């Protein structure tokens, strides 16, 4: 009897020890799996950071190339336009509005190139173009001979930097397309501030050559990329009564 009780106690102790060992082994296995997962996540983060660093370096290299190649040409244009303005003034002649527009546009282009390179070098937000310069942009278009009307409705307010810049670039590209493809037509620029979005619309009443395939232009592709990155929507195409319309809906509350 005593031997039977001793064996049962021994078996019971064995089972308890076995259960304890299994619990410890399971815990150690869980810790091991967690450590493996953490290492995998760390490796993935390191890989992503390296990829981002390479992308930033490549963008910086491209920006430098563009800056070096374009700055010289823009500077030559600006200097030549300035010389012509000066000579016209000395001769007592009226300076052609188109020449003044060239002079101002080339100066703005040079500043934007320098600002873009500066932003990429510091990896911080800089003084980039935005809706604060919209009236100046419209004024230059008018000086160059375009008929442009600007209308702003809704409660105007400060926007996130990426939204502000995207809206400006959309108007800039749309007016450029009007001057290239529908010179002499009237253009209207409309900004409508809604509680959670900004509507940017640029229309013209002229005929746009190749309007059926207008959405394939590099400028419009760039617009679409900007709007998509912000989670917005872009519509481009000919109007029913003639002319062309660009309409962008940009969320003003964005995490982009």
C-alpha atoms as a PDB file:
ATOM      1  CA  UNK A   1       0.000   0.000   0.000  1.00  0.00           C
ATOM      2  CA  UNK A   2       2.753   2.382   0.968  1.00  0.00           C
ATOM      3  CA  UNK A   3       4.623   1.510  -2.238  1.00  0.00           C
ATOM      4  CA  UNK A   4       1.427   2.244  -4.245  1.00  0.00           C
ATOM      5  CA  UNK A   5       0.965   5.622  -2.582  1.00  0.00           C
ATOM      6  CA  UNK A   6       4.642   6.430  -3.157  1.00  0.00           C
ATOM      7  CA  UNK A   7       4.355   5.562  -6.832  1.00  0.00           C
ATOM      8  CA  UNK A   8       1.212   7.692  -7.217  1.00  0.00           C
ATOM      9  CA  UNK A   9       2.949  10.624  -5.527  1.00  0.00           C
ATOM     10  CA  UNK A  10       5.967  10.102  -7.754  1.00  0.00           C
ATOM     11  CA  UNK A  11       3.761  10.013 -10.855  1.00  0.00           C
ATOM     12  CA  UNK A  12       1.915  13.117  -9.677  1.00  0.00           C
ATOM     13  CA  UNK A  13       5.166  14.948  -9.056  1.00  0.00           C
ATOM     14  CA  UNK A  14       6.403  13.844 -12.462  1.00  0.00           C
ATOM     15  CA  UNK A  15       3.297  15.192 -14.146  1.00  0.00           C
ATOM     16  CA  UNK A  16       3.621  18.481 -12.286  1.00  0.00           C
ATOM     17  CA  UNK A  17       7.289  18.769 -13.264  1.00  0.00           C
ATOM     18  CA  UNK A  18       6.460  17.875 -16.869  1.00  0.00           C
ATOM     19  CA  UNK A  19       3.664  20.450 -16.972  1.00  0.00           C
ATOM     20  CA  UNK A  20       5.987  23.069 -15.508  1.00  0.00           C
ATOM     21  CA  UNK A  21       8.686  22.233 -18.042  1.00  0.00           C
ATOM     22  CA  UNK A  22       6.130  22.453 -20.884  1.00  0.00           C
ATOM     23  CA  UNK A  23       4.949  25.859 -19.660  1.00  0.00           C
ATOM     24  CA  UNK A  24       8.523  27.123 -19.447  1.00  0.00           C
ATOM     25  CA  UNK A  25       9.332  25.725 -22.909  1.00  0.00           C
ATOM     26  CA  UNK A  26       6.192  27.292 -24.384  1.00  0.00           C
ATOM     27  CA  UNK A  27       7.041  30.632 -22.803  1.00  0.00           C
ATOM     28  CA  UNK A  28      10.594  30.479 -24.096  1.00  0.00           C
ATOM     29  CA  UNK A  29       9.275  29.592 -27.551  1.00  0.00           C
ATOM     30  CA  UNK A  30       6.933  32.584 -27.480  1.00  0.00           C
ATOM     31  CA  UNK A  31       9.806  34.845 -26.457  1.00  0.00           C
ATOM     32  CA  UNK A  32      11.911  33.413 -29.250  1.00  0.00           C
ATOM     33  CA  UNK A  33       9.159  34.012 -31.816  1.00  0.00           C
ATOM     34  CA  UNK A  34       8.698  37.564 -30.568  1.00  0.00           C
ATOM     35  CA  UNK A  35      12.414  38.190 -30.847  1.00  0.00           C
ATOM     36  CA  UNK A  36      12.436  36.794 -34.402  1.00  0.00           C
ATOM     37  CA  UNK A  37       9.471  39.009 -35.338  1.00  0.00           C
ATOM     38  CA  UNK A  38      11.169  42.061 -33.832  1.00  0.00           C
ATOM     39  CA  UNK A  39      14.331  41.320 -35.783  1.00  0.00           C
ATOM     40  CA  UNK A  40      12.312  40.925 -38.983  1.00  0.00           C
ATOM     41  CA  UNK A  41      10.480  44.213 -38.363  1.00  0.00           C
ATOM     42  CA  UNK A  42      13.767  45.959 -37.625  1.00  0.00           C
ATOM     43  CA  UNK A  43      15.282  44.574 -40.823  1.00  0.00           C
ATOM     44  CA  UNK A  44      12.242  45.752 -42.796  1.00  0.00           C
ATOM     45  CA  UNK A  45      12.463  49.227 -41.226  1.00  0.00           C
ATOM     46  CA  UNK A  46      16.157  49.400 -42.022  1.00  0.00           C
ATOM     47  CA  UNK A  47      15.436  48.332 -45.599  1.00  0.00           C
ATOM     48  CA  UNK A  48      12.689  50.977 -45.949  1.00  0.00           C
ATOM     49  CA  UNK A  49      14.911  53.678 -44.472  1.00  0.00           C
ATOM     50  CA  UNK A  50      17.708  52.763 -46.875  1.00  0.00           C
ATOM     51  CA  UNK A  51      15.283  52.880 -49.811  1.00  0.00           C
ATOM     52  CA  UNK A  52      13.962  56.274 -48.693  1.00  0.00           C
ATOM     53  CA  UNK A  53      17.503  57.574 -48.289  1.00  0.00           C
ATOM     54  CA  UNK A  54      18.420  56.428 -51.795  1.00  0.00           C
ATOM     55  CA  UNK A  55      15.255  58.049 -53.181  1.00  0.00           C
ATOM     56  CA  UNK A  56      16.065  61.345 -51.445  1.00  0.00           C
ATOM     57  CA  UNK A  57      19.629  61.225 -52.755  1.00  0.00           C
ATOM     58  CA  UNK A  58      18.371  60.574 -56.289  1.00  0.00           C
ATOM     59  CA  UNK A  59      15.870  63.432 -56.090  1.00  0.00           C
ATOM     60  CA  UNK A  60      18.620  65.708 -54.861  1.00  0.00           C
ATOM     61  CA  UNK A  61      20.884  64.654 -57.729  1.00  0.00           C
ATOM     62  CA  UNK A  62      18.122  65.320 -60.269  1.00  0.00           C
ATOM     63  CA  UNK A  63      17.361  68.680 -58.668  1.00  0.00           C
ATOM     64  CA  UNK A  64      21.015  69.662 -58.903  1.00  0.00           C
ATOM     65  CA  UNK A  65      21.159  68.657 -62.555  1.00  0.00           C
ATOM     66  CA  UNK A  66      18.016  70.633 -63.338  1.00  0.00           C
ATOM     67  CA  UNK A  67      19.278  73.601 -61.366  1.00  0.00           C
ATOM     68  CA  UNK A  68      22.651  73.641 -63.110  1.00  0.00           C
ATOM     69  CA  UNK A  69      21.205  73.145 -66.591  1.00  0.00           C
ATOM     70  CA  UNK A  70      18.233  75.508 -66.318  1.00  0.00           C
ATOM     71  CA  UNK A  71      19.559  78.326 -64.157  1.00  0.00           C
ATOM     72  CA  UNK A  72      22.030  79.462 -66.803  1.00  0.00           C
ATOM     73  CA  UNK A  73      19.399  79.588 -69.551  1.00  0.00           C
ATOM     74  CA  UNK A  74      16.891  81.360 -67.322  1.00  0.00           C
ATOM     75  CA  UNK A  75      19.513  83.869 -66.239  1.00  0.00           C
ATOM     76  CA  UNK A  76      20.378  84.625 -69.875  1.00  0.00           C
ATOM     77  CA  UNK A  77      16.682  85.180 -70.662  1.00  0.00           C
ATOM     78  CA  UNK A  78      16.284  87.452 -67.648  1.00  0.00           C
ATOM     79  CA  UNK A  79      19.394  89.485 -68.477  1.00  0.00           C
ATOM     80  CA  UNK A  80      18.437  89.892 -72.135  1.00  0.00           C
ATOM     81  CA  UNK A  81      14.916  90.951 -71.214  1.00  0.00           C
ATOM     82  CA  UNK A  82      16.305  93.415 -68.673  1.00  0.00           C
ATOM     83  CA  UNK A  83      18.643  94.917 -71.256  1.00  0.00           C
ATOM     84  CA  UNK A  84      15.795  95.384 -73.721  1.00  0.00           C
ATOM     85  CA  UNK A  85      13.619  97.008 -71.035  1.00  0.00           C
ATOM     86  CA  UNK A  86      16.471  99.353 -70.115  1.00  0.00           C
ATOM     87  CA  UNK A  87      17.209 100.320 -73.730  1.00  0.00           C
ATOM     88  CA  UNK A  88      13.539 100.928 -74.437  1.00  0.00           C
ATOM     89  CA  UNK A  89      13.387 103.227 -71.431  1.00  0.00           C
ATOM     90  CA  UNK A  90      16.447 105.166 -72.587  1.00  0.00           C
ATOM     91  CA  UNK A  91      14.933 105.588 -76.039  1.00  0.00           C
ATOM     92  CA  UNK A  92      11.715 106.817 -74.475  1.00  0.00           C
ATOM     93  CA  UNK A  93       9.743 103.973 -75.986  1.00  0.00           C
ATOM     94  CA  UNK A  94       6.930 102.078 -74.340  1.00  0.00           C
ATOM     95  CA  UNK A  95       8.132  98.707 -73.086  1.00  0.00           C
ATOM     96  CA  UNK A  96       6.120  95.840 -74.651  1.00  0.00           C
ATOM     97  CA  UNK A  97       3.977  94.116 -71.978  1.00  0.00           C
ATOM     98  CA  UNK A  98       5.140  90.699 -73.190  1.00  0.00           C
ATOM     99  CA  UNK A  99       8.757  91.698 -72.521  1.00  0.00           C
ATOM    100  CA  UNK A 100       7.923  92.744 -68.962  1.00  0.00           C
ATOM    101  CA  UNK A 101       6.111  89.437 -68.459  1.00  0.00           C
ATOM    102  CA  UNK A 102       9.182  87.523 -69.698  1.00  0.00           C
ATOM    103  CA  UNK A 103      11.435  89.453 -67.333  1.00  0.00           C
ATOM    104  CA  UNK A 104       9.216  88.803 -64.308  1.00  0.00           C
ATOM    105  CA  UNK A 105       8.520  85.156 -65.165  1.00  0.00           C
ATOM    106  CA  UNK A 106      12.227  84.368 -65.617  1.00  0.00           C
ATOM    107  CA  UNK A 107      13.018  85.979 -62.261  1.00  0.00           C
ATOM    108  CA  UNK A 108      10.294  83.903 -60.574  1.00  0.00           C
ATOM    109  CA  UNK A 109      11.533  80.723 -62.267  1.00  0.00           C
ATOM    110  CA  UNK A 110      15.056  81.319 -60.980  1.00  0.00           C
ATOM    111  CA  UNK A 111      13.799  81.881 -57.437  1.00  0.00           C
ATOM    112  CA  UNK A 112      11.680  78.727 -57.555  1.00  0.00           C
ATOM    113  CA  UNK A 113      14.599  76.615 -58.753  1.00  0.00           C
ATOM    114  CA  UNK A 114      16.768  77.865 -55.910  1.00  0.00           C
ATOM    115  CA  UNK A 115      13.956  77.360 -53.372  1.00  0.00           C
ATOM    116  CA  UNK A 116      13.315  73.803 -54.587  1.00  0.00           C
ATOM    117  CA  UNK A 117      16.958  72.819 -54.305  1.00  0.00           C
ATOM    118  CA  UNK A 118      17.176  74.416 -50.865  1.00  0.00           C
ATOM    119  CA  UNK A 119      14.143  72.432 -49.663  1.00  0.00           C
ATOM    120  CA  UNK A 120      15.572  69.147 -50.929  1.00  0.00           C
ATOM    121  CA  UNK A 121      18.938  69.811 -49.321  1.00  0.00           C
ATOM    122  CA  UNK A 122      17.474  70.602 -45.906  1.00  0.00           C
ATOM    123  CA  UNK A 123      14.631  68.037 -46.187  1.00  0.00           C
ATOM    124  CA  UNK A 124      12.378  70.626 -44.601  1.00  0.00           C
ATOM    125  CA  UNK A 125       9.487  72.707 -45.846  1.00  0.00           C
ATOM    126  CA  UNK A 126      10.659  75.949 -47.372  1.00  0.00           C
ATOM    127  CA  UNK A 127       9.265  79.082 -48.929  1.00  0.00           C
ATOM    128  CA  UNK A 128       7.609  77.436 -51.929  1.00  0.00           C
ATOM    129  CA  UNK A 129       4.923  78.781 -54.230  1.00  0.00           C
ATOM    130  CA  UNK A 130       1.347  78.835 -53.035  1.00  0.00           C
ATOM    131  CA  UNK A 131      -1.949  80.642 -53.379  1.00  0.00           C
ATOM    132  CA  UNK A 132      -0.402  83.711 -51.792  1.00  0.00           C
ATOM    133  CA  UNK A 133       1.272  84.296 -55.183  1.00  0.00           C
ATOM    134  CA  UNK A 134      -1.861  83.554 -57.219  1.00  0.00           C
ATOM    135  CA  UNK A 135      -2.777  87.176 -57.899  1.00  0.00           C
ATOM    136  CA  UNK A 136       0.781  87.799 -59.080  1.00  0.00           C
ATOM    137  CA  UNK A 137       0.512  84.782 -61.395  1.00  0.00           C
ATOM    138  CA  UNK A 138      -2.770  86.045 -62.847  1.00  0.00           C
ATOM    139  CA  UNK A 139      -1.279  89.518 -63.220  1.00  0.00           C
ATOM    140  CA  UNK A 140       1.637  88.163 -65.252  1.00  0.00           C
ATOM    141  CA  UNK A 141      -0.766  86.259 -67.479  1.00  0.00           C
ATOM    142  CA  UNK A 142      -2.720  89.451 -68.112  1.00  0.00           C
ATOM    143  CA  UNK A 143       0.472  91.359 -68.837  1.00  0.00           C
ATOM    144  CA  UNK A 144       1.377  88.711 -71.408  1.00  0.00           C
ATOM    145  CA  UNK A 145      -1.935  89.323 -73.176  1.00  0.00           C
ATOM    146  CA  UNK A 146      -4.202  86.679 -71.633  1.00  0.00           C
ATOM    147  CA  UNK A 147      -7.738  87.580 -70.610  1.00  0.00           C
ATOM    148  CA  UNK A 148      -7.977  86.070 -67.124  1.00  0.00           C
ATOM    149  CA  UNK A 149     -10.659  86.504 -64.475  1.00  0.00           C
ATOM    150  CA  UNK A 150     -10.032  85.391 -60.888  1.00  0.00           C
ATOM    151  CA  UNK A 151     -12.892  84.603 -58.495  1.00  0.00           C
ATOM    152  CA  UNK A 152     -12.547  83.404 -54.886  1.00  0.00           C
ATOM    153  CA  UNK A 153     -15.628  82.275 -52.935  1.00  0.00           C
ATOM    154  CA  UNK A 154     -16.161  80.693 -49.530  1.00  0.00           C
ATOM    155  CA  UNK A 155     -14.321  81.304 -46.280  1.00  0.00           C
ATOM    156  CA  UNK A 156     -10.705  81.781 -47.305  1.00  0.00           C
ATOM    157  CA  UNK A 157      -8.297  80.224 -44.807  1.00  0.00           C
ATOM    158  CA  UNK A 158      -4.789  78.930 -44.344  1.00  0.00           C
ATOM    159  CA  UNK A 159      -4.198  75.542 -45.989  1.00  0.00           C
ATOM    160  CA  UNK A 160      -1.705  72.753 -45.443  1.00  0.00           C
ATOM    161  CA  UNK A 161       1.485  73.454 -47.381  1.00  0.00           C
ATOM    162  CA  UNK A 162       1.078  70.588 -49.854  1.00  0.00           C
ATOM    163  CA  UNK A 163      -2.533  71.557 -50.626  1.00  0.00           C
ATOM    164  CA  UNK A 164      -1.638  75.231 -50.999  1.00  0.00           C
ATOM    165  CA  UNK A 165       1.204  74.473 -53.397  1.00  0.00           C
ATOM    166  CA  UNK A 166      -0.795  71.911 -55.394  1.00  0.00           C
ATOM    167  CA  UNK A 167      -3.620  74.412 -55.954  1.00  0.00           C
ATOM    168  CA  UNK A 168      -1.170  77.038 -57.183  1.00  0.00           C
ATOM    169  CA  UNK A 169       0.591  74.599 -59.529  1.00  0.00           C
ATOM    170  CA  UNK A 170      -2.727  73.443 -61.005  1.00  0.00           C
ATOM    171  CA  UNK A 171      -3.719  77.017 -61.858  1.00  0.00           C
ATOM    172  CA  UNK A 172      -0.223  77.733 -63.185  1.00  0.00           C
ATOM    173  CA  UNK A 173      -0.222  74.696 -65.479  1.00  0.00           C
ATOM    174  CA  UNK A 174      -3.793  75.291 -66.651  1.00  0.00           C
ATOM    175  CA  UNK A 175      -3.055  78.908 -67.622  1.00  0.00           C
ATOM    176  CA  UNK A 176       0.114  77.782 -69.365  1.00  0.00           C
ATOM    177  CA  UNK A 177      -1.928  75.303 -71.405  1.00  0.00           C
ATOM    178  CA  UNK A 178      -4.412  78.042 -72.323  1.00  0.00           C
ATOM    179  CA  UNK A 179      -1.611  80.295 -73.586  1.00  0.00           C
ATOM    180  CA  UNK A 180      -0.111  77.432 -75.611  1.00  0.00           C
ATOM    181  CA  UNK A 181      -3.217  75.848 -77.087  1.00  0.00           C
ATOM    182  CA  UNK A 182      -5.946  78.492 -76.966  1.00  0.00           C
ATOM    183  CA  UNK A 183      -4.196  81.845 -77.259  1.00  0.00           C
ATOM    184  CA  UNK A 184      -6.627  84.749 -77.358  1.00  0.00           C
ATOM    185  CA  UNK A 185      -9.402  82.949 -75.501  1.00  0.00           C
ATOM    186  CA  UNK A 186     -10.830  84.113 -72.190  1.00  0.00           C
ATOM    187  CA  UNK A 187      -9.840  82.138 -69.107  1.00  0.00           C
ATOM    188  CA  UNK A 188     -11.563  82.039 -65.724  1.00  0.00           C
ATOM    189  CA  UNK A 189      -9.888  80.894 -62.503  1.00  0.00           C
ATOM    190  CA  UNK A 190     -12.235  79.966 -59.665  1.00  0.00           C
ATOM    191  CA  UNK A 191     -11.347  78.983 -56.110  1.00  0.00           C
ATOM    192  CA  UNK A 192     -14.161  77.808 -53.878  1.00  0.00           C
ATOM    193  CA  UNK A 193     -13.415  77.110 -50.210  1.00  0.00           C
ATOM    194  CA  UNK A 194     -15.639  74.462 -48.665  1.00  0.00           C
ATOM    195  CA  UNK A 195     -15.461  73.276 -45.037  1.00  0.00           C
ATOM    196  CA  UNK A 196     -13.404  70.192 -45.905  1.00  0.00           C
ATOM    197  CA  UNK A 197     -12.095  70.802 -49.435  1.00  0.00           C
ATOM    198  CA  UNK A 198     -10.893  73.366 -51.924  1.00  0.00           C
ATOM    199  CA  UNK A 199     -12.308  73.429 -55.454  1.00  0.00           C
ATOM    200  CA  UNK A 200      -9.909  74.737 -58.102  1.00  0.00           C
ATOM    201  CA  UNK A 201     -11.393  75.274 -61.548  1.00  0.00           C
ATOM    202  CA  UNK A 202      -9.811  76.834 -64.638  1.00  0.00           C
ATOM    203  CA  UNK A 203     -11.815  77.185 -67.848  1.00  0.00           C
ATOM    204  CA  UNK A 204     -11.315  78.806 -71.224  1.00  0.00           C
ATOM    205  CA  UNK A 205     -13.736  79.456 -74.064  1.00  0.00           C
ATOM    206  CA  UNK A 206     -11.385  78.728 -76.960  1.00  0.00           C
ATOM    207  CA  UNK A 207     -10.856  75.612 -79.037  1.00  0.00           C
ATOM    208  CA  UNK A 208      -8.066  73.393 -77.723  1.00  0.00           C
ATOM    209  CA  UNK A 209      -6.288  71.362 -80.440  1.00  0.00           C
ATOM    210  CA  UNK A 210      -6.273  67.672 -79.619  1.00  0.00           C
ATOM    211  CA  UNK A 211      -8.756  68.122 -76.786  1.00  0.00           C
ATOM    212  CA  UNK A 212      -9.801  64.484 -77.022  1.00  0.00           C
ATOM    213  CA  UNK A 213      -6.339  63.423 -75.935  1.00  0.00           C
ATOM    214  CA  UNK A 214      -5.548  66.444 -73.773  1.00  0.00           C
ATOM    215  CA  UNK A 215      -5.384  64.315 -70.649  1.00  0.00           C
ATOM    216  CA  UNK A 216      -2.200  62.689 -71.956  1.00  0.00           C
ATOM    217  CA  UNK A 217      -0.051  65.832 -71.697  1.00  0.00           C
ATOM    218  CA  UNK A 218       2.808  65.804 -69.206  1.00  0.00           C
ATOM    219  CA  UNK A 219       1.424  68.896 -67.475  1.00  0.00           C
ATOM    220  CA  UNK A 220      -1.961  67.292 -66.901  1.00  0.00           C
ATOM    221  CA  UNK A 221      -0.299  64.055 -65.805  1.00  0.00           C
ATOM    222  CA  UNK A 222       1.649  66.065 -63.226  1.00  0.00           C
ATOM    223  CA  UNK A 223      -1.600  67.673 -62.048  1.00  0.00           C
ATOM    224  CA  UNK A 224      -3.234  64.281 -61.653  1.00  0.00           C
ATOM    225  CA  UNK A 225      -0.292  62.933 -59.666  1.00  0.00           C
ATOM    226  CA  UNK A 226      -0.411  65.904 -57.273  1.00  0.00           C
ATOM    227  CA  UNK A 227      -4.155  65.572 -56.738  1.00  0.00           C
ATOM    228  CA  UNK A 228      -3.996  61.785 -56.296  1.00  0.00           C
ATOM    229  CA  UNK A 229      -1.246  62.080 -53.664  1.00  0.00           C
ATOM    230  CA  UNK A 230      -3.545  64.342 -51.650  1.00  0.00           C
ATOM    231  CA  UNK A 231      -6.529  61.986 -51.970  1.00  0.00           C
ATOM    232  CA  UNK A 232      -8.438  64.386 -54.214  1.00  0.00           C
ATOM    233  CA  UNK A 233     -10.073  64.181 -57.621  1.00  0.00           C
ATOM    234  CA  UNK A 234      -9.174  65.788 -60.948  1.00  0.00           C
ATOM    235  CA  UNK A 235     -11.408  66.228 -63.990  1.00  0.00           C
ATOM    236  CA  UNK A 236     -10.071  67.551 -67.291  1.00  0.00           C
ATOM    237  CA  UNK A 237     -11.658  67.729 -70.690  1.00  0.00           C
ATOM    238  CA  UNK A 238     -13.511  69.810 -73.266  1.00  0.00           C
ATOM    239  CA  UNK A 239     -16.650  71.699 -72.246  1.00  0.00           C
ATOM    240  CA  UNK A 240     -19.969  71.027 -73.903  1.00  0.00           C
ATOM    241  CA  UNK A 241     -20.219  74.583 -75.222  1.00  0.00           C
ATOM    242  CA  UNK A 242     -16.595  74.762 -76.390  1.00  0.00           C
ATOM    243  CA  UNK A 243     -13.352  75.391 -74.592  1.00  0.00           C
ATOM    244  CA  UNK A 244     -11.607  73.313 -71.952  1.00  0.00           C
ATOM    245  CA  UNK A 245     -12.046  72.781 -68.224  1.00  0.00           C
ATOM    246  CA  UNK A 246      -9.678  71.717 -65.442  1.00  0.00           C
ATOM    247  CA  UNK A 247     -11.375  71.009 -62.106  1.00  0.00           C
ATOM    248  CA  UNK A 248      -9.595  69.749 -59.003  1.00  0.00           C
ATOM    249  CA  UNK A 249     -11.166  68.834 -55.663  1.00  0.00           C
ATOM    250  CA  UNK A 250      -8.505  68.956 -52.966  1.00  0.00           C
ATOM    251  CA  UNK A 251      -9.215  67.758 -49.403  1.00  0.00           C
ATOM    252  CA  UNK A 252      -8.104  70.402 -46.944  1.00  0.00           C
ATOM    253  CA  UNK A 253      -7.762  67.860 -44.146  1.00  0.00           C
ATOM    254  CA  UNK A 254      -5.031  65.597 -45.440  1.00  0.00           C
ATOM    255  CA  UNK A 255      -2.345  63.360 -43.971  1.00  0.00           C
ATOM    256  CA  UNK A 256      -0.339  63.260 -47.191  1.00  0.00           C
END
